[in-house]
Amino acid sequence: MGDELLTIPDDPNNEWGENLRINMGAYGGTAQASMPPYGWALLGDLSNDGIIDYVDLGGQVKDWLTTASQQPGDLNRDGIVNMADFALLAQDWLAKTSWYKPPIVLEIYAL
């Protein structure tokens, strides 16, 4: 691999979406990767739960100011997790994917 992932510029006429994750095409038994629908993935959603929130921030902070290749928190892929990556995460703070479902909150009352 070694090359950067395929990305498509944000275009309102784009019917295929932005492929921000690696898709190996294994699902469906095909040799070709498919394109997800627009809004399917968010760059800063490190936990892949459909929302950019404190869980993703925690993942970025874990590797703060470390230099290594292929760190999930290194959103701009420059080899270090720093303020530039935090700015990308903050830019989409609380953004949600098209498939995001909020967690069910159960209220427990004391007797």
PDB file of N, CA and C in Angstrom:
ATOM      1  N   MET A   1       0.847  -1.164   0.000  1.00  0.00           N
ATOM      2  CA  MET A   1       0.000   0.000   0.000  1.00  0.00           C
ATOM      3  C   MET A   1       0.894   1.228   0.000  1.00  0.00           C
ATOM      4  N   GLY A   2       1.112   1.899   1.087  1.00  0.00           N
ATOM      5  CA  GLY A   2       2.033   3.013   1.108  1.00  0.00           C
ATOM      6  C   GLY A   2       1.502   4.325   0.580  1.00  0.00           C
ATOM      7  N   ASP A   3       0.571   4.319  -0.351  1.00  0.00           N
ATOM      8  CA  ASP A   3       0.007   5.556  -0.871  1.00  0.00           C
ATOM      9  C   ASP A   3      -1.127   6.021   0.022  1.00  0.00           C
ATOM     10  N   GLU A   4      -1.414   7.308  -0.059  1.00  0.00           N
ATOM     11  CA  GLU A   4      -2.519   7.868   0.721  1.00  0.00           C
ATOM     12  C   GLU A   4      -3.839   7.322   0.192  1.00  0.00           C
ATOM     13  N   LEU A   5      -4.834   7.273   1.066  1.00  0.00           N
ATOM     14  CA  LEU A   5      -6.145   6.767   0.692  1.00  0.00           C
ATOM     15  C   LEU A   5      -6.770   7.634  -0.383  1.00  0.00           C
ATOM     16  N   LEU A   6      -7.669   7.056  -1.164  1.00  0.00           N
ATOM     17  CA  LEU A   6      -8.399   7.788  -2.187  1.00  0.00           C
ATOM     18  C   LEU A   6      -9.396   8.723  -1.525  1.00  0.00           C
ATOM     19  N   THR A   7      -9.349   9.979  -1.893  1.00  0.00           N
ATOM     20  CA  THR A   7     -10.356  10.926  -1.423  1.00  0.00           C
ATOM     21  C   THR A   7     -10.900  11.687  -2.615  1.00  0.00           C
ATOM     22  N   ILE A   8     -12.141  12.045  -2.549  1.00  0.00           N
ATOM     23  CA  ILE A   8     -12.802  12.785  -3.612  1.00  0.00           C
ATOM     24  C   ILE A   8     -13.147  14.156  -3.056  1.00  0.00           C
ATOM     25  N   PRO A   9     -12.865  15.235  -3.796  1.00  0.00           N
ATOM     26  CA  PRO A   9     -13.183  16.568  -3.279  1.00  0.00           C
ATOM     27  C   PRO A   9     -14.669  16.709  -2.964  1.00  0.00           C
ATOM     28  N   ASP A  10     -14.974  17.549  -1.973  1.00  0.00           N
ATOM     29  CA  ASP A  10     -16.353  17.811  -1.590  1.00  0.00           C
ATOM     30  C   ASP A  10     -17.069  18.470  -2.761  1.00  0.00           C
ATOM     31  N   ASP A  11     -18.005  17.784  -3.357  1.00  0.00           N
ATOM     32  CA  ASP A  11     -18.697  18.245  -4.554  1.00  0.00           C
ATOM     33  C   ASP A  11     -20.177  17.937  -4.403  1.00  0.00           C
ATOM     34  N   PRO A  12     -21.063  18.932  -4.498  1.00  0.00           N
ATOM     35  CA  PRO A  12     -22.495  18.666  -4.331  1.00  0.00           C
ATOM     36  C   PRO A  12     -23.070  17.750  -5.408  1.00  0.00           C
ATOM     37  N   ASN A  13     -22.379  17.622  -6.537  1.00  0.00           N
ATOM     38  CA  ASN A  13     -22.851  16.744  -7.611  1.00  0.00           C
ATOM     39  C   ASN A  13     -22.274  15.338  -7.516  1.00  0.00           C
ATOM     40  N   ASN A  14     -21.459  15.088  -6.505  1.00  0.00           N
ATOM     41  CA  ASN A  14     -20.836  13.784  -6.330  1.00  0.00           C
ATOM     42  C   ASN A  14     -21.875  12.794  -5.809  1.00  0.00           C
ATOM     43  N   GLU A  15     -22.166  11.765  -6.568  1.00  0.00           N
ATOM     44  CA  GLU A  15     -23.168  10.771  -6.187  1.00  0.00           C
ATOM     45  C   GLU A  15     -22.568   9.585  -5.445  1.00  0.00           C
ATOM     46  N   TRP A  16     -21.250   9.506  -5.372  1.00  0.00           N
ATOM     47  CA  TRP A  16     -20.620   8.307  -4.818  1.00  0.00           C
ATOM     48  C   TRP A  16     -20.049   8.507  -3.429  1.00  0.00           C
ATOM     49  N   GLY A  17     -19.820   9.717  -2.995  1.00  0.00           N
ATOM     50  CA  GLY A  17     -19.338   9.946  -1.639  1.00  0.00           C
ATOM     51  C   GLY A  17     -17.844  10.112  -1.551  1.00  0.00           C
ATOM     52  N   GLU A  18     -17.377  10.242  -0.345  1.00  0.00           N
ATOM     53  CA  GLU A  18     -15.958  10.381  -0.064  1.00  0.00           C
ATOM     54  C   GLU A  18     -15.479   9.109   0.618  1.00  0.00           C
ATOM     55  N   ASN A  19     -14.488   8.465   0.059  1.00  0.00           N
ATOM     56  CA  ASN A  19     -13.963   7.239   0.644  1.00  0.00           C
ATOM     57  C   ASN A  19     -12.816   7.595   1.572  1.00  0.00           C
ATOM     58  N   LEU A  20     -13.117   7.757   2.856  1.00  0.00           N
ATOM     59  CA  LEU A  20     -12.105   8.151   3.828  1.00  0.00           C
ATOM     60  C   LEU A  20     -11.528   6.969   4.591  1.00  0.00           C
ATOM     61  N   ARG A  21     -11.949   5.788   4.301  1.00  0.00           N
ATOM     62  CA  ARG A  21     -11.453   4.584   4.960  1.00  0.00           C
ATOM     63  C   ARG A  21     -11.021   3.577   3.888  1.00  0.00           C
ATOM     64  N   ILE A  22     -10.161   2.655   4.271  1.00  0.00           N
ATOM     65  CA  ILE A  22      -9.758   1.604   3.340  1.00  0.00           C
ATOM     66  C   ILE A  22     -10.895   0.608   3.206  1.00  0.00           C
ATOM     67  N   ASN A  23     -11.246   0.279   1.992  1.00  0.00           N
ATOM     68  CA  ASN A  23     -12.280  -0.710   1.716  1.00  0.00           C
ATOM     69  C   ASN A  23     -11.629  -1.760   0.830  1.00  0.00           C
ATOM     70  N   MET A  24     -11.417  -2.941   1.366  1.00  0.00           N
ATOM     71  CA  MET A  24     -10.689  -3.969   0.637  1.00  0.00           C
ATOM     72  C   MET A  24     -11.569  -4.766  -0.311  1.00  0.00           C
ATOM     73  N   GLY A  25     -12.862  -4.508  -0.351  1.00  0.00           N
ATOM     74  CA  GLY A  25     -13.736  -5.207  -1.277  1.00  0.00           C
ATOM     75  C   GLY A  25     -14.032  -6.638  -0.869  1.00  0.00           C
ATOM     76  N   ALA A  26     -13.677  -7.023   0.351  1.00  0.00           N
ATOM     77  CA  ALA A  26     -13.886  -8.404   0.779  1.00  0.00           C
ATOM     78  C   ALA A  26     -15.364  -8.725   0.956  1.00  0.00           C
ATOM     79  N   TYR A  27     -16.150  -7.738   1.348  1.00  0.00           N
ATOM     80  CA  TYR A  27     -17.579  -7.974   1.534  1.00  0.00           C
ATOM     81  C   TYR A  27     -18.237  -8.115   0.172  1.00  0.00           C
ATOM     82  N   GLY A  28     -18.960  -9.156  -0.039  1.00  0.00           N
ATOM     83  CA  GLY A  28     -19.620  -9.392  -1.315  1.00  0.00           C
ATOM     84  C   GLY A  28     -18.794 -10.248  -2.259  1.00  0.00           C
ATOM     85  N   GLY A  29     -17.592 -10.641  -1.840  1.00  0.00           N
ATOM     86  CA  GLY A  29     -16.778 -11.543  -2.639  1.00  0.00           C
ATOM     87  C   GLY A  29     -16.238 -10.939  -3.921  1.00  0.00           C
ATOM     88  N   THR A  30     -16.090  -9.617  -3.988  1.00  0.00           N
ATOM     89  CA  THR A  30     -15.572  -8.991  -5.197  1.00  0.00           C
ATOM     90  C   THR A  30     -14.111  -8.632  -5.008  1.00  0.00           C
ATOM     91  N   ALA A  31     -13.416  -8.457  -6.106  1.00  0.00           N
ATOM     92  CA  ALA A  31     -12.013  -8.067  -6.059  1.00  0.00           C
ATOM     93  C   ALA A  31     -11.859  -6.553  -6.031  1.00  0.00           C
ATOM     94  N   GLN A  32     -12.952  -5.816  -6.232  1.00  0.00           N
ATOM     95  CA  GLN A  32     -12.890  -4.361  -6.278  1.00  0.00           C
ATOM     96  C   GLN A  32     -13.538  -3.755  -5.039  1.00  0.00           C
ATOM     97  N   ALA A  33     -12.979  -2.647  -4.612  1.00  0.00           N
ATOM     98  CA  ALA A  33     -13.553  -1.931  -3.472  1.00  0.00           C
ATOM     99  C   ALA A  33     -14.737  -1.096  -3.946  1.00  0.00           C
ATOM    100  N   SER A  34     -15.681  -0.896  -3.066  1.00  0.00           N
ATOM    101  CA  SER A  34     -16.842  -0.076  -3.396  1.00  0.00           C
ATOM    102  C   SER A  34     -16.708   1.291  -2.738  1.00  0.00           C
ATOM    103  N   MET A  35     -17.474   2.251  -3.213  1.00  0.00           N
ATOM    104  CA  MET A  35     -17.476   3.589  -2.633  1.00  0.00           C
ATOM    105  C   MET A  35     -18.662   3.709  -1.688  1.00  0.00           C
ATOM    106  N   PRO A  36     -18.445   4.189  -0.472  1.00  0.00           N
ATOM    107  CA  PRO A  36     -19.567   4.359   0.453  1.00  0.00           C
ATOM    108  C   PRO A  36     -20.403   5.573   0.053  1.00  0.00           C
ATOM    109  N   PRO A  37     -21.630   5.649   0.526  1.00  0.00           N
ATOM    110  CA  PRO A  37     -22.447   6.832   0.251  1.00  0.00           C
ATOM    111  C   PRO A  37     -21.831   8.076   0.884  1.00  0.00           C
ATOM    112  N   TYR A  38     -22.171   9.244   0.338  1.00  0.00           N
ATOM    113  CA  TYR A  38     -21.660  10.503   0.875  1.00  0.00           C
ATOM    114  C   TYR A  38     -22.073  10.646   2.341  1.00  0.00           C
ATOM    115  N   GLY A  39     -21.162  11.104   3.178  1.00  0.00           N
ATOM    116  CA  GLY A  39     -21.449  11.289   4.594  1.00  0.00           C
ATOM    117  C   GLY A  39     -21.323  10.021   5.418  1.00  0.00           C
ATOM    118  N   TRP A  40     -20.790   8.958   4.844  1.00  0.00           N
ATOM    119  CA  TRP A  40     -20.686   7.674   5.540  1.00  0.00           C
ATOM    120  C   TRP A  40     -19.589   7.680   6.596  1.00  0.00           C
ATOM    121  N   ALA A  41     -18.503   8.407   6.361  1.00  0.00           N
ATOM    122  CA  ALA A  41     -17.376   8.409   7.293  1.00  0.00           C
ATOM    123  C   ALA A  41     -16.894   9.834   7.541  1.00  0.00           C
ATOM    124  N   LEU A  42     -16.326  10.058   8.715  1.00  0.00           N
ATOM    125  CA  LEU A  42     -15.752  11.349   9.086  1.00  0.00           C
ATOM    126  C   LEU A  42     -14.278  11.147   9.401  1.00  0.00           C
ATOM    127  N   LEU A  43     -13.438  12.022   8.907  1.00  0.00           N
ATOM    128  CA  LEU A  43     -11.996  11.891   9.094  1.00  0.00           C
ATOM    129  C   LEU A  43     -11.610  11.792  10.566  1.00  0.00           C
ATOM    130  N   GLY A  44     -12.201  12.606  11.416  1.00  0.00           N
ATOM    131  CA  GLY A  44     -11.835  12.629  12.828  1.00  0.00           C
ATOM    132  C   GLY A  44     -12.523  11.596  13.696  1.00  0.00           C
ATOM    133  N   ASP A  45     -13.358  10.746  13.117  1.00  0.00           N
ATOM    134  CA  ASP A  45     -14.081   9.730  13.893  1.00  0.00           C
ATOM    135  C   ASP A  45     -13.166   8.529  14.123  1.00  0.00           C
ATOM    136  N   LEU A  46     -12.237   8.672  15.059  1.00  0.00           N
ATOM    137  CA  LEU A  46     -11.240   7.629  15.309  1.00  0.00           C
ATOM    138  C   LEU A  46     -11.852   6.359  15.871  1.00  0.00           C
ATOM    139  N   SER A  47     -12.956   6.481  16.580  1.00  0.00           N
ATOM    140  CA  SER A  47     -13.593   5.317  17.194  1.00  0.00           C
ATOM    141  C   SER A  47     -14.596   4.640  16.256  1.00  0.00           C
ATOM    142  N   ASN A  48     -14.840   5.236  15.105  1.00  0.00           N
ATOM    143  CA  ASN A  48     -15.792   4.694  14.119  1.00  0.00           C
ATOM    144  C   ASN A  48     -17.167   4.436  14.717  1.00  0.00           C
ATOM    145  N   ASP A  49     -17.611   5.343  15.602  1.00  0.00           N
ATOM    146  CA  ASP A  49     -18.951   5.194  16.171  1.00  0.00           C
ATOM    147  C   ASP A  49     -19.958   6.141  15.531  1.00  0.00           C
ATOM    148  N   GLY A  50     -19.518   6.912  14.534  1.00  0.00           N
ATOM    149  CA  GLY A  50     -20.435   7.763  13.789  1.00  0.00           C
ATOM    150  C   GLY A  50     -20.524   9.194  14.271  1.00  0.00           C
ATOM    151  N   ILE A  51     -19.771   9.566  15.289  1.00  0.00           N
ATOM    152  CA  ILE A  51     -19.784  10.935  15.806  1.00  0.00           C
ATOM    153  C   ILE A  51     -18.376  11.314  16.255  1.00  0.00           C
ATOM    154  N   ILE A  52     -18.017  12.573  16.051  1.00  0.00           N
ATOM    155  CA  ILE A  52     -16.728  13.064  16.537  1.00  0.00           C
ATOM    156  C   ILE A  52     -16.973  13.692  17.900  1.00  0.00           C
ATOM    157  N   ASP A  53     -16.437  13.042  18.938  1.00  0.00           N
ATOM    158  CA  ASP A  53     -16.704  13.486  20.301  1.00  0.00           C
ATOM    159  C   ASP A  53     -15.492  13.235  21.197  1.00  0.00           C
ATOM    160  N   TYR A  54     -15.726  13.241  22.508  1.00  0.00           N
ATOM    161  CA  TYR A  54     -14.637  13.091  23.477  1.00  0.00           C
ATOM    162  C   TYR A  54     -13.906  11.753  23.348  1.00  0.00           C
ATOM    163  N   VAL A  55     -14.564  10.721  22.845  1.00  0.00           N
ATOM    164  CA  VAL A  55     -13.900   9.424  22.655  1.00  0.00           C
ATOM    165  C   VAL A  55     -12.791   9.570  21.612  1.00  0.00           C
ATOM    166  N   ASP A  56     -13.094  10.295  20.533  1.00  0.00           N
ATOM    167  CA  ASP A  56     -12.097  10.521  19.485  1.00  0.00           C
ATOM    168  C   ASP A  56     -10.986  11.451  19.977  1.00  0.00           C
ATOM    169  N   LEU A  57     -11.355  12.454  20.754  1.00  0.00           N
ATOM    170  CA  LEU A  57     -10.356  13.349  21.339  1.00  0.00           C
ATOM    171  C   LEU A  57      -9.408  12.556  22.240  1.00  0.00           C
ATOM    172  N   GLY A  58      -9.947  11.631  23.023  1.00  0.00           N
ATOM    173  CA  GLY A  58      -9.114  10.785  23.874  1.00  0.00           C
ATOM    174  C   GLY A  58      -8.138   9.950  23.070  1.00  0.00           C
ATOM    175  N   GLY A  59      -8.585   9.453  21.924  1.00  0.00           N
ATOM    176  CA  GLY A  59      -7.696   8.686  21.055  1.00  0.00           C
ATOM    177  C   GLY A  59      -6.573   9.536  20.492  1.00  0.00           C
ATOM    178  N   GLN A  60      -6.875  10.794  20.233  1.00  0.00           N
ATOM    179  CA  GLN A  60      -5.849  11.694  19.717  1.00  0.00           C
ATOM    180  C   GLN A  60      -4.870  12.107  20.820  1.00  0.00           C
ATOM    181  N   VAL A  61      -5.387  12.381  21.997  1.00  0.00           N
ATOM    182  CA  VAL A  61      -4.547  12.798  23.125  1.00  0.00           C
ATOM    183  C   VAL A  61      -3.583  11.687  23.537  1.00  0.00           C
ATOM    184  N   LYS A  62      -4.010  10.444  23.388  1.00  0.00           N
ATOM    185  CA  LYS A  62      -3.177   9.295  23.764  1.00  0.00           C
ATOM    186  C   LYS A  62      -1.817   9.330  23.056  1.00  0.00           C
ATOM    187  N   ASP A  63      -1.788   9.794  21.818  1.00  0.00           N
ATOM    188  CA  ASP A  63      -0.546   9.835  21.041  1.00  0.00           C
ATOM    189  C   ASP A  63      -0.018  11.256  20.855  1.00  0.00           C
ATOM    190  N   TRP A  64      -0.449  12.183  21.702  1.00  0.00           N
ATOM    191  CA  TRP A  64      -0.101  13.593  21.547  1.00  0.00           C
ATOM    192  C   TRP A  64       1.412  13.809  21.506  1.00  0.00           C
ATOM    193  N   LEU A  65       1.869  14.524  20.504  1.00  0.00           N
ATOM    194  CA  LEU A  65       3.265  14.899  20.270  1.00  0.00           C
ATOM    195  C   LEU A  65       4.198  13.712  20.075  1.00  0.00           C
ATOM    196  N   THR A  66       3.667  12.570  19.712  1.00  0.00           N
ATOM    197  CA  THR A  66       4.527  11.435  19.375  1.00  0.00           C
ATOM    198  C   THR A  66       4.698  11.389  17.862  1.00  0.00           C
ATOM    199  N   THR A  67       5.858  10.928  17.447  1.00  0.00           N
ATOM    200  CA  THR A  67       6.137  10.799  16.021  1.00  0.00           C
ATOM    201  C   THR A  67       6.233   9.325  15.674  1.00  0.00           C
ATOM    202  N   ALA A  68       5.411   8.913  14.771  1.00  0.00           N
ATOM    203  CA  ALA A  68       5.403   7.538  14.272  1.00  0.00           C
ATOM    204  C   ALA A  68       4.516   7.519  13.036  1.00  0.00           C
ATOM    205  N   SER A  69       4.668   6.510  12.234  1.00  0.00           N
ATOM    206  CA  SER A  69       3.821   6.422  11.043  1.00  0.00           C
ATOM    207  C   SER A  69       2.517   5.711  11.387  1.00  0.00           C
ATOM    208  N   GLN A  70       1.484   6.055  10.672  1.00  0.00           N
ATOM    209  CA  GLN A  70       0.168   5.419  10.748  1.00  0.00           C
ATOM    210  C   GLN A  70      -0.462   5.487  12.139  1.00  0.00           C
ATOM    211  N   GLN A  71      -0.415   6.645  12.777  1.00  0.00           N
ATOM    212  CA  GLN A  71      -1.125   6.853  14.031  1.00  0.00           C
ATOM    213  C   GLN A  71      -2.540   7.310  13.706  1.00  0.00           C
ATOM    214  N   PRO A  72      -3.552   6.720  14.300  1.00  0.00           N
ATOM    215  CA  PRO A  72      -4.931   7.125  13.995  1.00  0.00           C
ATOM    216  C   PRO A  72      -5.200   8.604  14.254  1.00  0.00           C
ATOM    217  N   GLY A  73      -4.586   9.188  15.269  1.00  0.00           N
ATOM    218  CA  GLY A  73      -4.822  10.590  15.591  1.00  0.00           C
ATOM    219  C   GLY A  73      -4.098  11.578  14.693  1.00  0.00           C
ATOM    220  N   ASP A  74      -3.200  11.093  13.848  1.00  0.00           N
ATOM    221  CA  ASP A  74      -2.451  11.949  12.923  1.00  0.00           C
ATOM    222  C   ASP A  74      -3.306  12.180  11.677  1.00  0.00           C
ATOM    223  N   LEU A  75      -4.280  13.068  11.791  1.00  0.00           N
ATOM    224  CA  LEU A  75      -5.281  13.243  10.736  1.00  0.00           C
ATOM    225  C   LEU A  75      -4.719  13.841   9.457  1.00  0.00           C
ATOM    226  N   ASN A  76      -3.675  14.648   9.533  1.00  0.00           N
ATOM    227  CA  ASN A  76      -3.102  15.216   8.311  1.00  0.00           C
ATOM    228  C   ASN A  76      -1.924  14.400   7.780  1.00  0.00           C
ATOM    229  N   ARG A  77      -1.608  13.304   8.436  1.00  0.00           N
ATOM    230  CA  ARG A  77      -0.591  12.336   8.009  1.00  0.00           C
ATOM    231  C   ARG A  77       0.795  12.944   7.804  1.00  0.00           C
ATOM    232  N   ASP A  78       1.192  13.849   8.740  1.00  0.00           N
ATOM    233  CA  ASP A  78       2.529  14.424   8.645  1.00  0.00           C
ATOM    234  C   ASP A  78       3.524  13.740   9.584  1.00  0.00           C
ATOM    235  N   GLY A  79       3.095  12.692  10.275  1.00  0.00           N
ATOM    236  CA  GLY A  79       3.996  11.915  11.117  1.00  0.00           C
ATOM    237  C   GLY A  79       4.025  12.307  12.578  1.00  0.00           C
ATOM    238  N   ILE A  80       3.248  13.321  12.976  1.00  0.00           N
ATOM    239  CA  ILE A  80       3.195  13.735  14.381  1.00  0.00           C
ATOM    240  C   ILE A  80       1.766  14.156  14.716  1.00  0.00           C
ATOM    241  N   VAL A  81       1.324  13.780  15.912  1.00  0.00           N
ATOM    242  CA  VAL A  81      -0.005  14.195  16.385  1.00  0.00           C
ATOM    243  C   VAL A  81       0.187  15.507  17.133  1.00  0.00           C
ATOM    244  N   ASN A  82      -0.336  16.604  16.560  1.00  0.00           N
ATOM    245  CA  ASN A  82      -0.122  17.921  17.152  1.00  0.00           C
ATOM    246  C   ASN A  82      -1.340  18.822  16.928  1.00  0.00           C
ATOM    247  N   MET A  83      -1.154  20.134  17.085  1.00  0.00           N
ATOM    248  CA  MET A  83      -2.260  21.088  16.977  1.00  0.00           C
ATOM    249  C   MET A  83      -2.912  21.085  15.598  1.00  0.00           C
ATOM    250  N   ALA A  84      -2.163  20.792  14.559  1.00  0.00           N
ATOM    251  CA  ALA A  84      -2.752  20.733  13.219  1.00  0.00           C
ATOM    252  C   ALA A  84      -3.800  19.624  13.157  1.00  0.00           C
ATOM    253  N   ASP A  85      -3.518  18.497  13.786  1.00  0.00           N
ATOM    254  CA  ASP A  85      -4.474  17.391  13.819  1.00  0.00           C
ATOM    255  C   ASP A  85      -5.658  17.722  14.722  1.00  0.00           C
ATOM    256  N   PHE A  86      -5.375  18.377  15.850  1.00  0.00           N
ATOM    257  CA  PHE A  86      -6.452  18.795  16.744  1.00  0.00           C
ATOM    258  C   PHE A  86      -7.394  19.763  16.030  1.00  0.00           C
ATOM    259  N   ALA A  87      -6.843  20.661  15.219  1.00  0.00           N
ATOM    260  CA  ALA A  87      -7.676  21.611  14.473  1.00  0.00           C
ATOM    261  C   ALA A  87      -8.610  20.879  13.515  1.00  0.00           C
ATOM    262  N   LEU A  88      -8.125  19.821  12.874  1.00  0.00           N
ATOM    263  CA  LEU A  88      -8.982  19.036  11.976  1.00  0.00           C
ATOM    264  C   LEU A  88     -10.089  18.334  12.752  1.00  0.00           C
ATOM    265  N   LEU A  89      -9.763  17.811  13.922  1.00  0.00           N
ATOM    266  CA  LEU A  89     -10.770  17.162  14.753  1.00  0.00           C
ATOM    267  C   LEU A  89     -11.790  18.189  15.250  1.00  0.00           C
ATOM    268  N   ALA A  90     -11.304  19.338  15.714  1.00  0.00           N
ATOM    269  CA  ALA A  90     -12.188  20.380  16.246  1.00  0.00           C
ATOM    270  C   ALA A  90     -13.089  20.973  15.166  1.00  0.00           C
ATOM    271  N   GLN A  91     -12.605  20.999  13.945  1.00  0.00           N
ATOM    272  CA  GLN A  91     -13.386  21.542  12.824  1.00  0.00           C
ATOM    273  C   GLN A  91     -14.707  20.798  12.647  1.00  0.00           C
ATOM    274  N   ASP A  92     -14.713  19.510  12.925  1.00  0.00           N
ATOM    275  CA  ASP A  92     -15.925  18.694  12.772  1.00  0.00           C
ATOM    276  C   ASP A  92     -16.477  18.228  14.117  1.00  0.00           C
ATOM    277  N   TRP A  93     -16.170  18.936  15.198  1.00  0.00           N
ATOM    278  CA  TRP A  93     -16.596  18.536  16.533  1.00  0.00           C
ATOM    279  C   TRP A  93     -18.106  18.330  16.575  1.00  0.00           C
ATOM    280  N   LEU A  94     -18.533  17.187  17.080  1.00  0.00           N
ATOM    281  CA  LEU A  94     -19.922  16.746  17.200  1.00  0.00           C
ATOM    282  C   LEU A  94     -20.610  16.524  15.858  1.00  0.00           C
ATOM    283  N   ALA A  95     -19.840  16.476  14.774  1.00  0.00           N
ATOM    284  CA  ALA A  95     -20.417  16.104  13.477  1.00  0.00           C
ATOM    285  C   ALA A  95     -20.800  14.631  13.528  1.00  0.00           C
ATOM    286  N   LYS A  96     -21.850  14.275  12.796  1.00  0.00           N
ATOM    287  CA  LYS A  96     -22.354  12.895  12.798  1.00  0.00           C
ATOM    288  C   LYS A  96     -22.410  12.358  11.374  1.00  0.00           C
ATOM    289  N   THR A  97     -22.202  11.058  11.246  1.00  0.00           N
ATOM    290  CA  THR A  97     -22.364  10.413   9.950  1.00  0.00           C
ATOM    291  C   THR A  97     -23.849  10.258   9.646  1.00  0.00           C
ATOM    292  N   SER A  98     -24.146   9.874   8.414  1.00  0.00           N
ATOM    293  CA  SER A  98     -25.548   9.684   8.023  1.00  0.00           C
ATOM    294  C   SER A  98     -26.176   8.487   8.731  1.00  0.00           C
ATOM    295  N   TRP A  99     -25.373   7.562   9.237  1.00  0.00           N
ATOM    296  CA  TRP A  99     -25.906   6.346   9.865  1.00  0.00           C
ATOM    297  C   TRP A  99     -25.847   6.388  11.391  1.00  0.00           C
ATOM    298  N   TYR A 100     -25.394   7.484  11.964  1.00  0.00           N
ATOM    299  CA  TYR A 100     -25.233   7.579  13.423  1.00  0.00           C
ATOM    300  C   TYR A 100     -26.571   7.448  14.145  1.00  0.00           C
ATOM    301  N   LYS A 101     -26.583   6.632  15.176  1.00  0.00           N
ATOM    302  CA  LYS A 101     -27.745   6.482  16.062  1.00  0.00           C
ATOM    303  C   LYS A 101     -27.273   6.788  17.479  1.00  0.00           C
ATOM    304  N   PRO A 102     -27.884   7.773  18.151  1.00  0.00           N
ATOM    305  CA  PRO A 102     -27.446   8.088  19.511  1.00  0.00           C
ATOM    306  C   PRO A 102     -27.676   6.908  20.449  1.00  0.00           C
ATOM    307  N   PRO A 103     -26.835   6.788  21.471  1.00  0.00           N
ATOM    308  CA  PRO A 103     -27.016   5.679  22.413  1.00  0.00           C
ATOM    309  C   PRO A 103     -28.320   5.829  23.186  1.00  0.00           C
ATOM    310  N   ILE A 104     -28.865   4.715  23.579  1.00  0.00           N
ATOM    311  CA  ILE A 104     -30.090   4.712  24.377  1.00  0.00           C
ATOM    312  C   ILE A 104     -29.708   4.990  25.825  1.00  0.00           C
ATOM    313  N   VAL A 105     -30.332   5.976  26.404  1.00  0.00           N
ATOM    314  CA  VAL A 105     -30.045   6.343  27.791  1.00  0.00           C
ATOM    315  C   VAL A 105     -31.161   5.799  28.668  1.00  0.00           C
ATOM    316  N   LEU A 106     -30.796   4.973  29.606  1.00  0.00           N
ATOM    317  CA  LEU A 106     -31.765   4.417  30.547  1.00  0.00           C
ATOM    318  C   LEU A 106     -31.717   5.227  31.830  1.00  0.00           C
ATOM    319  N   GLU A 107     -32.860   5.683  32.256  1.00  0.00           N
ATOM    320  CA  GLU A 107     -32.913   6.434  33.505  1.00  0.00           C
ATOM    321  C   GLU A 107     -33.167   5.464  34.653  1.00  0.00           C
ATOM    322  N   ILE A 108     -32.320   5.528  35.653  1.00  0.00           N
ATOM    323  CA  ILE A 108     -32.454   4.658  36.817  1.00  0.00           C
ATOM    324  C   ILE A 108     -32.796   5.538  38.010  1.00  0.00           C
ATOM    325  N   TYR A 109     -33.892   5.214  38.627  1.00  0.00           N
ATOM    326  CA  TYR A 109     -34.350   6.001  39.769  1.00  0.00           C
ATOM    327  C   TYR A 109     -34.062   5.252  41.066  1.00  0.00           C
ATOM    328  N   ALA A 110     -33.619   5.990  42.054  1.00  0.00           N
ATOM    329  CA  ALA A 110     -33.378   5.399  43.372  1.00  0.00           C
ATOM    330  C   ALA A 110     -34.713   5.179  44.069  1.00  0.00           C
ATOM    331  N   LEU A 111     -34.819   4.086  44.762  1.00  0.00           N
ATOM    332  CA  LEU A 111     -36.055   3.790  45.487  1.00  0.00           C
ATOM    333  C   LEU A 111     -36.083   4.432  46.837  1.00  0.00           C
TER     334      LEU A 111
END
